[in-house]
Amino acid sequence: MDFLEAKRKDIDQIELENSVGISVLASWTLIRGLDASSVHTAMAAVAAIARPPGPQVGEYYLGSVVKVTEEGAVISLAPGKEGLLRDPSSLFPRVNGKSEDTLDVVGVKVAVEVTQIDDEGKISLAALKA
C-alpha cells in the first residue's frame, strides 16, 4: 500500500478543510479545486504528510552508530537521516588513538542532540551525557 493511501484519513480531512479533491495514484498526486489558494494550501498539507520535516536543531534522538571515520561517528537518526558526532571519544574509548579502532561500536545506541544543520543539510551532533 502506498504511504499516502495509508494516510487516507488525513487526506480526507485536507479535502474537507480546503474544498478540494485529492487523488493519490502510483507515482503522483492530483489535487483539483476551484480556487488556486485552496489547491496550494492542500498541496502544502499533502507534502507535509509525504515528506515530514527532518531533524531540527535542538532536538534529541536515540540513534545508532553506522560507522566511525577520522571525522567522528556517523549516527543514524531516522531512515535516510544521518548526522556526524565529531568527538565520540567520551562515548567510545579509542585504541591507539585511532577512531577506526572503535569499529566494534557499530550498531550501538547513542543519545544525541542536533546542534547544527548546514546549508547542504549536513547534521552535526553532540553526545548527551548520561
C-alpha atoms as a PDB file:
ATOM      1  CA  MET A   1       0.000   0.000   0.000  1.00  0.00           C
ATOM      2  CA  ASP A   2       1.241   3.458  -0.895  1.00  0.00           C
ATOM      3  CA  PHE A   3       2.293   5.660   2.020  1.00  0.00           C
ATOM      4  CA  LEU A   4      -0.187   8.412   1.145  1.00  0.00           C
ATOM      5  CA  GLU A   5      -3.030   5.916   0.788  1.00  0.00           C
ATOM      6  CA  ALA A   6      -2.177   4.720   4.293  1.00  0.00           C
ATOM      7  CA  LYS A   7      -2.749   8.335   5.376  1.00  0.00           C
ATOM      8  CA  ARG A   8      -6.204   8.433   3.716  1.00  0.00           C
ATOM      9  CA  LYS A   9      -7.911   9.752   6.876  1.00  0.00           C
ATOM     10  CA  ASP A  10      -5.560  12.750   6.928  1.00  0.00           C
ATOM     11  CA  ILE A  11      -6.052  13.311   3.203  1.00  0.00           C
ATOM     12  CA  ASP A  12      -9.842  13.168   3.615  1.00  0.00           C
ATOM     13  CA  GLN A  13      -9.536  15.887   6.272  1.00  0.00           C
ATOM     14  CA  ILE A  14      -7.424  18.048   3.940  1.00  0.00           C
ATOM     15  CA  GLU A  15     -10.101  17.657   1.250  1.00  0.00           C
ATOM     16  CA  LEU A  16     -12.837  18.775   3.649  1.00  0.00           C
ATOM     17  CA  GLU A  17     -10.910  21.744   5.052  1.00  0.00           C
ATOM     18  CA  ASN A  18      -9.880  23.073   1.616  1.00  0.00           C
ATOM     19  CA  SER A  19     -12.845  22.100  -0.573  1.00  0.00           C
ATOM     20  CA  VAL A  20     -10.615  20.174  -2.973  1.00  0.00           C
ATOM     21  CA  GLY A  21     -10.472  16.697  -4.417  1.00  0.00           C
ATOM     22  CA  ILE A  22      -7.310  14.643  -3.953  1.00  0.00           C
ATOM     23  CA  SER A  23      -6.486  11.519  -5.953  1.00  0.00           C
ATOM     24  CA  VAL A  24      -3.431   9.538  -4.902  1.00  0.00           C
ATOM     25  CA  LEU A  25      -2.052   7.433  -7.754  1.00  0.00           C
ATOM     26  CA  ALA A  26       1.010   5.216  -8.137  1.00  0.00           C
ATOM     27  CA  SER A  27       3.650   7.895  -8.654  1.00  0.00           C
ATOM     28  CA  TRP A  28       1.787  11.201  -8.334  1.00  0.00           C
ATOM     29  CA  THR A  29      -0.984  13.015  -6.525  1.00  0.00           C
ATOM     30  CA  LEU A  30      -3.704  15.017  -8.295  1.00  0.00           C
ATOM     31  CA  ILE A  31      -5.275  17.906  -6.397  1.00  0.00           C
ATOM     32  CA  ARG A  32      -8.169  19.700  -8.047  1.00  0.00           C
ATOM     33  CA  GLY A  33     -10.283  22.579  -6.862  1.00  0.00           C
ATOM     34  CA  LEU A  34     -11.998  25.757  -7.968  1.00  0.00           C
ATOM     35  CA  ASP A  35      -9.758  28.130  -6.071  1.00  0.00           C
ATOM     36  CA  ALA A  36      -5.967  28.282  -6.534  1.00  0.00           C
ATOM     37  CA  SER A  37      -5.377  29.312  -2.920  1.00  0.00           C
ATOM     38  CA  SER A  38      -7.179  26.224  -1.605  1.00  0.00           C
ATOM     39  CA  VAL A  39      -5.270  23.972  -4.002  1.00  0.00           C
ATOM     40  CA  HIS A  40      -1.931  25.453  -2.881  1.00  0.00           C
ATOM     41  CA  THR A  41      -2.865  25.040   0.794  1.00  0.00           C
ATOM     42  CA  ALA A  42      -3.874  21.432   0.151  1.00  0.00           C
ATOM     43  CA  MET A  43      -0.622  20.810  -1.766  1.00  0.00           C
ATOM     44  CA  ALA A  44       1.413  22.030   1.205  1.00  0.00           C
ATOM     45  CA  ALA A  45      -0.573  19.841   3.607  1.00  0.00           C
ATOM     46  CA  VAL A  46      -0.122  16.724   1.437  1.00  0.00           C
ATOM     47  CA  ALA A  47       3.606  17.480   1.055  1.00  0.00           C
ATOM     48  CA  ALA A  48       3.920  17.695   4.856  1.00  0.00           C
ATOM     49  CA  ILE A  49       2.403  14.212   5.119  1.00  0.00           C
ATOM     50  CA  ALA A  50       4.515  12.763   2.303  1.00  0.00           C
ATOM     51  CA  ARG A  51       7.769  14.402   3.359  1.00  0.00           C
ATOM     52  CA  PRO A  52       7.671  15.163   7.059  1.00  0.00           C
ATOM     53  CA  PRO A  53      10.302  17.650   8.198  1.00  0.00           C
ATOM     54  CA  GLY A  54      13.645  16.177   9.152  1.00  0.00           C
ATOM     55  CA  PRO A  55      15.649  16.701  12.297  1.00  0.00           C
ATOM     56  CA  GLN A  56      15.751  20.225  13.699  1.00  0.00           C
ATOM     57  CA  VAL A  57      18.431  21.958  15.778  1.00  0.00           C
ATOM     58  CA  GLY A  58      17.852  21.313  19.470  1.00  0.00           C
ATOM     59  CA  GLU A  59      16.025  18.001  19.005  1.00  0.00           C
ATOM     60  CA  TYR A  60      17.188  14.872  20.820  1.00  0.00           C
ATOM     61  CA  TYR A  61      17.499  11.428  19.261  1.00  0.00           C
ATOM     62  CA  LEU A  62      18.441   7.938  20.285  1.00  0.00           C
ATOM     63  CA  GLY A  63      20.421   6.961  17.200  1.00  0.00           C
ATOM     64  CA  SER A  64      22.597   4.057  16.141  1.00  0.00           C
ATOM     65  CA  VAL A  65      26.251   4.229  15.171  1.00  0.00           C
ATOM     66  CA  VAL A  66      26.520   3.464  11.444  1.00  0.00           C
ATOM     67  CA  LYS A  67      30.277   3.845  11.048  1.00  0.00           C
ATOM     68  CA  VAL A  68      33.288   5.530  12.583  1.00  0.00           C
ATOM     69  CA  THR A  69      35.626   7.687  10.493  1.00  0.00           C
ATOM     70  CA  GLU A  70      38.525  10.034  11.196  1.00  0.00           C
ATOM     71  CA  GLU A  71      35.964  12.873  11.370  1.00  0.00           C
ATOM     72  CA  GLY A  72      33.841  11.147  14.002  1.00  0.00           C
ATOM     73  CA  ALA A  73      30.940   8.742  14.371  1.00  0.00           C
ATOM     74  CA  VAL A  74      28.130   8.712  11.825  1.00  0.00           C
ATOM     75  CA  ILE A  75      24.830   8.283  13.660  1.00  0.00           C
ATOM     76  CA  SER A  76      21.558   7.165  12.063  1.00  0.00           C
ATOM     77  CA  LEU A  77      18.763   9.357  13.458  1.00  0.00           C
ATOM     78  CA  ALA A  78      15.887   8.113  11.297  1.00  0.00           C
ATOM     79  CA  PRO A  79      15.578   6.263   7.999  1.00  0.00           C
ATOM     80  CA  GLY A  80      17.603   8.266   5.488  1.00  0.00           C
ATOM     81  CA  LYS A  81      18.789  10.813   8.075  1.00  0.00           C
ATOM     82  CA  GLU A  82      22.306  10.654   9.492  1.00  0.00           C
ATOM     83  CA  GLY A  83      24.420  13.059  11.469  1.00  0.00           C
ATOM     84  CA  LEU A  84      28.045  13.341  12.495  1.00  0.00           C
ATOM     85  CA  LEU A  85      29.157  13.169  16.099  1.00  0.00           C
ATOM     86  CA  ARG A  86      32.575  14.843  15.738  1.00  0.00           C
ATOM     87  CA  ASP A  87      34.083  13.807  19.072  1.00  0.00           C
ATOM     88  CA  PRO A  88      32.760  10.429  20.108  1.00  0.00           C
ATOM     89  CA  SER A  89      35.765   9.797  22.375  1.00  0.00           C
ATOM     90  CA  SER A  90      33.737  10.443  25.523  1.00  0.00           C
ATOM     91  CA  LEU A  91      31.434   7.606  24.496  1.00  0.00           C
ATOM     92  CA  PHE A  92      33.853   5.243  22.791  1.00  0.00           C
ATOM     93  CA  PRO A  93      37.437   4.996  24.021  1.00  0.00           C
ATOM     94  CA  ARG A  94      39.977   4.919  21.209  1.00  0.00           C
ATOM     95  CA  VAL A  95      42.572   2.223  20.864  1.00  0.00           C
ATOM     96  CA  ASN A  96      45.999   3.547  19.838  1.00  0.00           C
ATOM     97  CA  GLY A  97      44.359   6.957  19.336  1.00  0.00           C
ATOM     98  CA  LYS A  98      42.575   5.900  16.114  1.00  0.00           C
ATOM     99  CA  SER A  99      38.835   6.158  15.696  1.00  0.00           C
ATOM    100  CA  GLU A 100      38.913   3.273  13.186  1.00  0.00           C
ATOM    101  CA  ASP A 101      39.789   1.017  16.088  1.00  0.00           C
ATOM    102  CA  THR A 102      36.320   1.552  17.511  1.00  0.00           C
ATOM    103  CA  LEU A 103      34.503  -0.222  14.673  1.00  0.00           C
ATOM    104  CA  ASP A 104      33.040  -2.639  17.206  1.00  0.00           C
ATOM    105  CA  VAL A 105      30.669   0.169  18.274  1.00  0.00           C
ATOM    106  CA  VAL A 106      28.674  -0.022  15.009  1.00  0.00           C
ATOM    107  CA  GLY A 107      25.049  -0.561  15.989  1.00  0.00           C
ATOM    108  CA  VAL A 108      25.465   0.867  19.481  1.00  0.00           C
ATOM    109  CA  LYS A 109      22.627   3.229  20.530  1.00  0.00           C
ATOM    110  CA  VAL A 110      23.695   6.780  21.330  1.00  0.00           C
ATOM    111  CA  ALA A 111      21.689   9.680  22.806  1.00  0.00           C
ATOM    112  CA  VAL A 112      22.488  12.819  20.804  1.00  0.00           C
ATOM    113  CA  GLU A 113      21.325  16.377  20.253  1.00  0.00           C
ATOM    114  CA  VAL A 114      21.205  18.078  16.850  1.00  0.00           C
ATOM    115  CA  THR A 115      23.484  21.098  17.240  1.00  0.00           C
ATOM    116  CA  GLN A 116      23.733  22.400  13.685  1.00  0.00           C
ATOM    117  CA  ILE A 117      22.391  21.808  10.182  1.00  0.00           C
ATOM    118  CA  ASP A 118      24.433  23.466   7.453  1.00  0.00           C
ATOM    119  CA  ASP A 119      23.217  24.837   4.110  1.00  0.00           C
ATOM    120  CA  GLU A 120      23.833  21.450   2.473  1.00  0.00           C
ATOM    121  CA  GLY A 121      21.696  19.678   5.081  1.00  0.00           C
ATOM    122  CA  LYS A 122      24.646  18.073   6.893  1.00  0.00           C
ATOM    123  CA  ILE A 123      23.744  17.435  10.512  1.00  0.00           C
ATOM    124  CA  SER A 124      26.161  17.982  13.413  1.00  0.00           C
ATOM    125  CA  LEU A 125      25.515  16.195  16.689  1.00  0.00           C
ATOM    126  CA  ALA A 126      26.594  16.395  20.313  1.00  0.00           C
ATOM    127  CA  ALA A 127      26.539  13.440  22.671  1.00  0.00           C
ATOM    128  CA  LEU A 128      24.196  13.673  25.635  1.00  0.00           C
ATOM    129  CA  LYS A 129      25.698  12.842  28.981  1.00  0.00           C
ATOM    130  CA  ALA A 130      24.044  10.013  30.881  1.00  0.00           C
END
